[in-house]
C-alpha atoms as a PDB file:
ATOM      1  CA  MET A   1     -15.711 -17.688  16.033  1.00  0.00           C
ATOM      2  CA  ASN A   2     -12.017 -16.801  16.243  1.00  0.00           C
ATOM      3  CA  LEU A   3     -11.534 -14.083  13.617  1.00  0.00           C
ATOM      4  CA  PRO A   4      -8.111 -13.255  12.168  1.00  0.00           C
ATOM      5  CA  ARG A   5      -6.369 -10.294  13.756  1.00  0.00           C
ATOM      6  CA  ALA A   6      -6.183  -7.153  11.595  1.00  0.00           C
ATOM      7  CA  VAL A   7      -3.978  -4.154  12.292  1.00  0.00           C
ATOM      8  CA  VAL A   8      -4.560  -0.656  10.929  1.00  0.00           C
ATOM      9  CA  VAL A   9      -1.369   0.379   9.140  1.00  0.00           C
ATOM     10  CA  HIS A  10      -2.672   3.659   7.715  1.00  0.00           C
ATOM     11  CA  ALA A  11      -5.770   5.717   8.424  1.00  0.00           C
ATOM     12  CA  SER A  12      -7.102   9.026   7.177  1.00  0.00           C
ATOM     13  CA  PRO A  13     -10.690  10.335   6.990  1.00  0.00           C
ATOM     14  CA  ASP A  14     -11.647   8.589   3.713  1.00  0.00           C
ATOM     15  CA  ARG A  15      -8.928   5.961   3.463  1.00  0.00           C
ATOM     16  CA  GLN A  16      -7.813   3.079   5.642  1.00  0.00           C
ATOM     17  CA  ARG A  17      -5.351   0.242   5.073  1.00  0.00           C
ATOM     18  CA  ILE A  18      -5.366  -2.821   7.278  1.00  0.00           C
ATOM     19  CA  ARG A  19      -3.003  -5.765   7.312  1.00  0.00           C
ATOM     20  CA  ILE A  20      -4.019  -9.296   8.221  1.00  0.00           C
ATOM     21  CA  PRO A  21      -0.706 -11.102   8.724  1.00  0.00           C
ATOM     22  CA  SER A  22      -2.214 -14.547   9.298  1.00  0.00           C
ATOM     23  CA  ARG A  23      -3.983 -14.469   5.895  1.00  0.00           C
ATOM     24  CA  ARG A  24      -1.034 -13.279   3.815  1.00  0.00           C
ATOM     25  CA  GLY A  25      -0.979 -15.286   0.579  1.00  0.00           C
ATOM     26  CA  ASP A  26      -4.479 -16.748   1.163  1.00  0.00           C
ATOM     27  CA  ARG A  27      -6.183 -15.894  -2.147  1.00  0.00           C
ATOM     28  CA  ASP A  28      -9.512 -17.505  -1.197  1.00  0.00           C
ATOM     29  CA  TYR A  29      -9.745 -15.385   1.939  1.00  0.00           C
ATOM     30  CA  PHE A  30      -9.177 -12.132   0.047  1.00  0.00           C
ATOM     31  CA  VAL A  31     -11.716 -13.136  -2.595  1.00  0.00           C
ATOM     32  CA  LYS A  32     -14.219 -13.625   0.226  1.00  0.00           C
ATOM     33  CA  VAL A  33     -13.374 -10.164   1.637  1.00  0.00           C
ATOM     34  CA  HIS A  34     -13.725  -8.575  -1.802  1.00  0.00           C
ATOM     35  CA  GLN A  35     -17.097 -10.259  -2.423  1.00  0.00           C
ATOM     36  CA  ALA A  36     -18.398  -9.094   0.963  1.00  0.00           C
ATOM     37  CA  ALA A  37     -17.136  -5.557   0.288  1.00  0.00           C
ATOM     38  CA  VAL A  38     -19.094  -5.378  -2.969  1.00  0.00           C
ATOM     39  CA  GLN A  39     -22.265  -5.665  -0.871  1.00  0.00           C
ATOM     40  CA  ALA A  40     -21.057  -3.108   1.701  1.00  0.00           C
ATOM     41  CA  PRO A  41     -21.435   0.671   1.449  1.00  0.00           C
ATOM     42  CA  ILE A  42     -17.654   1.046   1.066  1.00  0.00           C
ATOM     43  CA  GLU A  43     -16.875   2.628  -2.301  1.00  0.00           C
ATOM     44  CA  ILE A  44     -13.437   1.187  -3.128  1.00  0.00           C
ATOM     45  CA  VAL A  45     -11.751  -1.933  -1.764  1.00  0.00           C
ATOM     46  CA  ARG A  46      -8.392  -3.214  -2.963  1.00  0.00           C
ATOM     47  CA  ALA A  47      -6.911  -6.380  -1.530  1.00  0.00           C
ATOM     48  CA  ASN A  48      -3.285  -7.392  -1.892  1.00  0.00           C
ATOM     49  CA  VAL A  49      -2.821 -11.134  -1.377  1.00  0.00           C
ATOM     50  CA  LEU A  50       0.995 -10.910  -1.329  1.00  0.00           C
ATOM     51  CA  THR A  51       1.182  -8.353   1.477  1.00  0.00           C
ATOM     52  CA  GLY A  52      -1.952  -9.478   3.289  1.00  0.00           C
ATOM     53  CA  SER A  53      -3.419  -5.992   3.218  1.00  0.00           C
ATOM     54  CA  ILE A  54      -6.718  -4.400   2.284  1.00  0.00           C
ATOM     55  CA  LEU A  55      -7.223  -0.773   1.281  1.00  0.00           C
ATOM     56  CA  PHE A  56     -10.637   0.778   1.933  1.00  0.00           C
ATOM     57  CA  GLN A  57     -11.526   4.143   0.379  1.00  0.00           C
ATOM     58  CA  GLY A  58     -14.665   6.247   0.409  1.00  0.00           C
ATOM     59  CA  LYS A  59     -17.015   8.073   2.738  1.00  0.00           C
ATOM     60  CA  LYS A  60     -17.670   4.909   4.745  1.00  0.00           C
ATOM     61  CA  ALA A  61     -13.979   4.019   5.132  1.00  0.00           C
ATOM     62  CA  ASP A  62     -13.699   5.320   8.681  1.00  0.00           C
ATOM     63  CA  PRO A  63     -12.148   3.037  11.345  1.00  0.00           C
ATOM     64  CA  GLU A  64     -15.456   2.256  13.066  1.00  0.00           C
ATOM     65  CA  SER A  65     -17.209   1.277   9.813  1.00  0.00           C
ATOM     66  CA  ILE A  66     -14.312  -0.939   8.736  1.00  0.00           C
ATOM     67  CA  ALA A  67     -14.194  -2.648  12.138  1.00  0.00           C
ATOM     68  CA  ARG A  68     -17.957  -3.220  11.964  1.00  0.00           C
ATOM     69  CA  PHE A  69     -17.663  -4.536   8.374  1.00  0.00           C
ATOM     70  CA  GLY A  70     -15.014  -7.040   9.457  1.00  0.00           C
ATOM     71  CA  SER A  71     -16.921  -8.336  12.471  1.00  0.00           C
ATOM     72  CA  ASP A  72     -20.399  -8.314  10.846  1.00  0.00           C
ATOM     73  CA  ASN A  73     -19.088 -10.424   7.943  1.00  0.00           C
ATOM     74  CA  ASN A  74     -16.946 -12.687  10.172  1.00  0.00           C
ATOM     75  CA  LEU A  75     -13.811 -11.630   8.278  1.00  0.00           C
ATOM     76  CA  PHE A  76     -11.433 -10.000  10.789  1.00  0.00           C
ATOM     77  CA  ARG A  77     -11.183  -8.185  14.098  1.00  0.00           C
ATOM     78  CA  ILE A  78      -9.201  -4.969  14.273  1.00  0.00           C
ATOM     79  CA  GLU A  79      -6.695  -4.730  17.092  1.00  0.00           C
ATOM     80  CA  PRO A  80      -4.606  -1.707  17.925  1.00  0.00           C
ATOM     81  CA  ALA A  81      -1.203  -1.636  16.256  1.00  0.00           C
ATOM     82  CA  LEU A  82       1.879  -1.665  18.408  1.00  0.00           C
ATOM     83  CA  PRO A  83       3.342   1.809  18.745  1.00  0.00           C
ATOM     84  CA  ALA A  84       6.348   2.530  16.577  1.00  0.00           C
ATOM     85  CA  PRO A  85       9.644   2.598  18.454  1.00  0.00           C
ATOM     86  CA  ALA A  86      10.860   6.050  19.424  1.00  0.00           C
ATOM     87  CA  LEU A  87      13.810   5.801  17.021  1.00  0.00           C
ATOM     88  CA  ALA A  88      11.556   4.988  14.078  1.00  0.00           C
ATOM     89  CA  LYS A  89       9.347   7.971  14.907  1.00  0.00           C
ATOM     90  CA  ARG A  90      12.352  10.294  15.144  1.00  0.00           C
ATOM     91  CA  ILE A  91      13.689   9.075  11.802  1.00  0.00           C
ATOM     92  CA  SER A  92      10.359   9.166   9.941  1.00  0.00           C
ATOM     93  CA  ALA A  93       9.163  12.548  11.248  1.00  0.00           C
ATOM     94  CA  PRO A  94      11.480  14.690   9.059  1.00  0.00           C
ATOM     95  CA  VAL A  95      10.737  12.530   6.015  1.00  0.00           C
ATOM     96  CA  THR A  96       6.999  12.922   6.591  1.00  0.00           C
ATOM     97  CA  THR A  97       7.483  16.677   7.025  1.00  0.00           C
ATOM     98  CA  VAL A  98       9.428  16.968   3.746  1.00  0.00           C
ATOM     99  CA  ASP A  99       6.784  14.873   1.955  1.00  0.00           C
ATOM    100  CA  GLY A 100       4.016  17.125   3.282  1.00  0.00           C
ATOM    101  CA  THR A 101       5.921  20.264   2.315  1.00  0.00           C
ATOM    102  CA  ILE A 102       6.455  19.023  -1.249  1.00  0.00           C
ATOM    103  CA  LYS A 103       2.764  18.122  -1.540  1.00  0.00           C
ATOM    104  CA  HIS A 104       1.774  21.554  -0.218  1.00  0.00           C
ATOM    105  CA  LEU A 105       4.135  23.474  -2.516  1.00  0.00           C
ATOM    106  CA  THR A 106       2.959  21.561  -5.592  1.00  0.00           C
ATOM    107  CA  ALA A 107      -0.758  21.566  -4.682  1.00  0.00           C
ATOM    108  CA  GLY A 108      -0.724  17.781  -4.342  1.00  0.00           C
ATOM    109  CA  GLN A 109       0.790  17.192  -7.795  1.00  0.00           C
ATOM    110  CA  LEU A 110       4.100  15.826  -6.447  1.00  0.00           C
ATOM    111  CA  ASP A 111       5.218  13.943  -3.358  1.00  0.00           C
ATOM    112  CA  LEU A 112       8.628  12.940  -1.984  1.00  0.00           C
ATOM    113  CA  PRO A 113       8.920   9.704  -4.010  1.00  0.00           C
ATOM    114  CA  GLY A 114       7.950  11.598  -7.169  1.00  0.00           C
ATOM    115  CA  ALA A 115      10.473  14.345  -6.447  1.00  0.00           C
ATOM    116  CA  LEU A 116      13.213  11.757  -5.883  1.00  0.00           C
ATOM    117  CA  PHE A 117      12.278  10.045  -9.145  1.00  0.00           C
ATOM    118  CA  ILE A 118      12.590  13.332 -11.053  1.00  0.00           C
ATOM    119  CA  LEU A 119      15.888  14.144  -9.329  1.00  0.00           C
ATOM    120  CA  LEU A 120      17.353  10.731 -10.181  1.00  0.00           C
ATOM    121  CA  LEU A 121      16.064  10.937 -13.749  1.00  0.00           C
ATOM    122  CA  PHE A 122      17.686  14.337 -14.297  1.00  0.00           C
ATOM    123  CA  THR A 123      20.896  13.099 -12.665  1.00  0.00           C
ATOM    124  CA  ALA A 124      20.975  10.184 -15.103  1.00  0.00           C
ATOM    125  CA  VAL A 125      20.375  12.462 -18.100  1.00  0.00           C
ATOM    126  CA  TYR A 126      23.088  14.842 -16.861  1.00  0.00           C
ATOM    127  CA  GLU A 127      25.601  11.998 -16.472  1.00  0.00           C
ATOM    128  CA  ILE A 128      24.788  10.641 -19.941  1.00  0.00           C
ATOM    129  CA  ALA A 129      25.178  14.140 -21.431  1.00  0.00           C
ATOM    130  CA  ARG A 130      28.629  14.353 -19.842  1.00  0.00           C
ATOM    131  CA  GLY A 131      29.593  11.035 -21.462  1.00  0.00           C
ATOM    132  CA  ARG A 132      29.611   9.023 -18.251  1.00  0.00           C
ATOM    133  CA  PHE A 133      28.225   5.643 -19.251  1.00  0.00           C
ATOM    134  CA  ARG A 134      29.389   3.646 -16.240  1.00  0.00           C
ATOM    135  CA  THR A 135      27.325   0.678 -15.157  1.00  0.00           C
ATOM    136  CA  PRO A 136      26.019   0.554 -11.593  1.00  0.00           C
ATOM    137  CA  PRO A 137      27.716  -1.775  -9.083  1.00  0.00           C
ATOM    138  CA  TRP A 138      26.385  -5.341  -9.015  1.00  0.00           C
ATOM    139  CA  TYR A 139      24.543  -4.825  -5.714  1.00  0.00           C
ATOM    140  CA  THR A 140      22.734  -1.755  -7.062  1.00  0.00           C
ATOM    141  CA  ALA A 141      21.707  -3.594 -10.226  1.00  0.00           C
ATOM    142  CA  PHE A 142      20.540  -6.540  -8.113  1.00  0.00           C
ATOM    143  CA  TRP A 143      18.533  -4.231  -5.811  1.00  0.00           C
ATOM    144  CA  TYR A 144      16.780  -2.555  -8.748  1.00  0.00           C
ATOM    145  CA  ALA A 145      16.070  -5.907 -10.401  1.00  0.00           C
ATOM    146  CA  PHE A 146      14.620  -7.267  -7.157  1.00  0.00           C
ATOM    147  CA  GLY A 147      12.459  -4.146  -6.707  1.00  0.00           C
ATOM    148  CA  LEU A 148      11.087  -4.352 -10.249  1.00  0.00           C
ATOM    149  CA  PHE A 149      10.392  -8.068  -9.890  1.00  0.00           C
ATOM    150  CA  THR A 150       8.593  -7.579  -6.574  1.00  0.00           C
ATOM    151  CA  LYS A 151       6.501  -4.710  -7.952  1.00  0.00           C
ATOM    152  CA  ALA A 152       5.562  -6.775 -11.016  1.00  0.00           C
ATOM    153  CA  MET A 153       4.490  -9.717  -8.836  1.00  0.00           C
ATOM    154  CA  ILE A 154       2.322  -7.498  -6.616  1.00  0.00           C
ATOM    155  CA  ASP A 155       0.739  -5.839  -9.660  1.00  0.00           C
ATOM    156  CA  ARG A 156       0.060  -9.253 -11.248  1.00  0.00           C
ATOM    157  CA  GLU A 157      -1.624 -10.569  -8.095  1.00  0.00           C
ATOM    158  CA  THR A 158      -3.743  -7.423  -7.813  1.00  0.00           C
ATOM    159  CA  ASP A 159      -4.779  -7.614 -11.476  1.00  0.00           C
ATOM    160  CA  ASP A 160      -5.600 -11.329 -11.169  1.00  0.00           C
ATOM    161  CA  LEU A 161      -7.736 -10.653  -8.127  1.00  0.00           C
ATOM    162  CA  ARG A 162      -9.645  -7.895  -9.919  1.00  0.00           C
ATOM    163  CA  GLN A 163     -10.155  -9.900 -13.145  1.00  0.00           C
ATOM    164  CA  ASN A 164     -11.196 -13.151 -11.486  1.00  0.00           C
ATOM    165  CA  HIS A 165     -13.636 -11.655  -9.016  1.00  0.00           C
ATOM    166  CA  ARG A 166     -15.750  -9.092 -10.780  1.00  0.00           C
ATOM    167  CA  PRO A 167     -19.412  -9.038  -9.795  1.00  0.00           C
ATOM    168  CA  ASP A 168     -20.466  -9.572 -13.430  1.00  0.00           C
ATOM    169  CA  ALA A 169     -18.128 -12.551 -13.941  1.00  0.00           C
END
């Protein structure tokens, strides 16, 4: 059987995210994965139909167990991801370092996106307090609107998947 190709996009000791590009948007496929995962010893499985990704969490979420789960259930085969280009690594390394430093300094309570959110929130409050009520440029407003819309669509798909495919349903 020719199984769909899966690529590991993130891995840590108790957490692994894979992406299956050929199944992106295929709700029936991700329902099948979720149903198989309920029977597996993996503690948490979250599938995202829109991005074609699956997040595995728990003690049995190591790369070997996930690869075995995919092949044993005829769901996917994990292939090595292509290495990131040297430029991408050079650009992302300082960002990853800053993120790790923020997490360390705050004992895991804050990360880089959270710190940027707080910074932007305080900047907005400061500008309002100074009486600066300018509107953002059209392209900024469009970008924020697009981001909110995309996030809402992903959240809706994830919620639908969880509600429609509970073991007790």
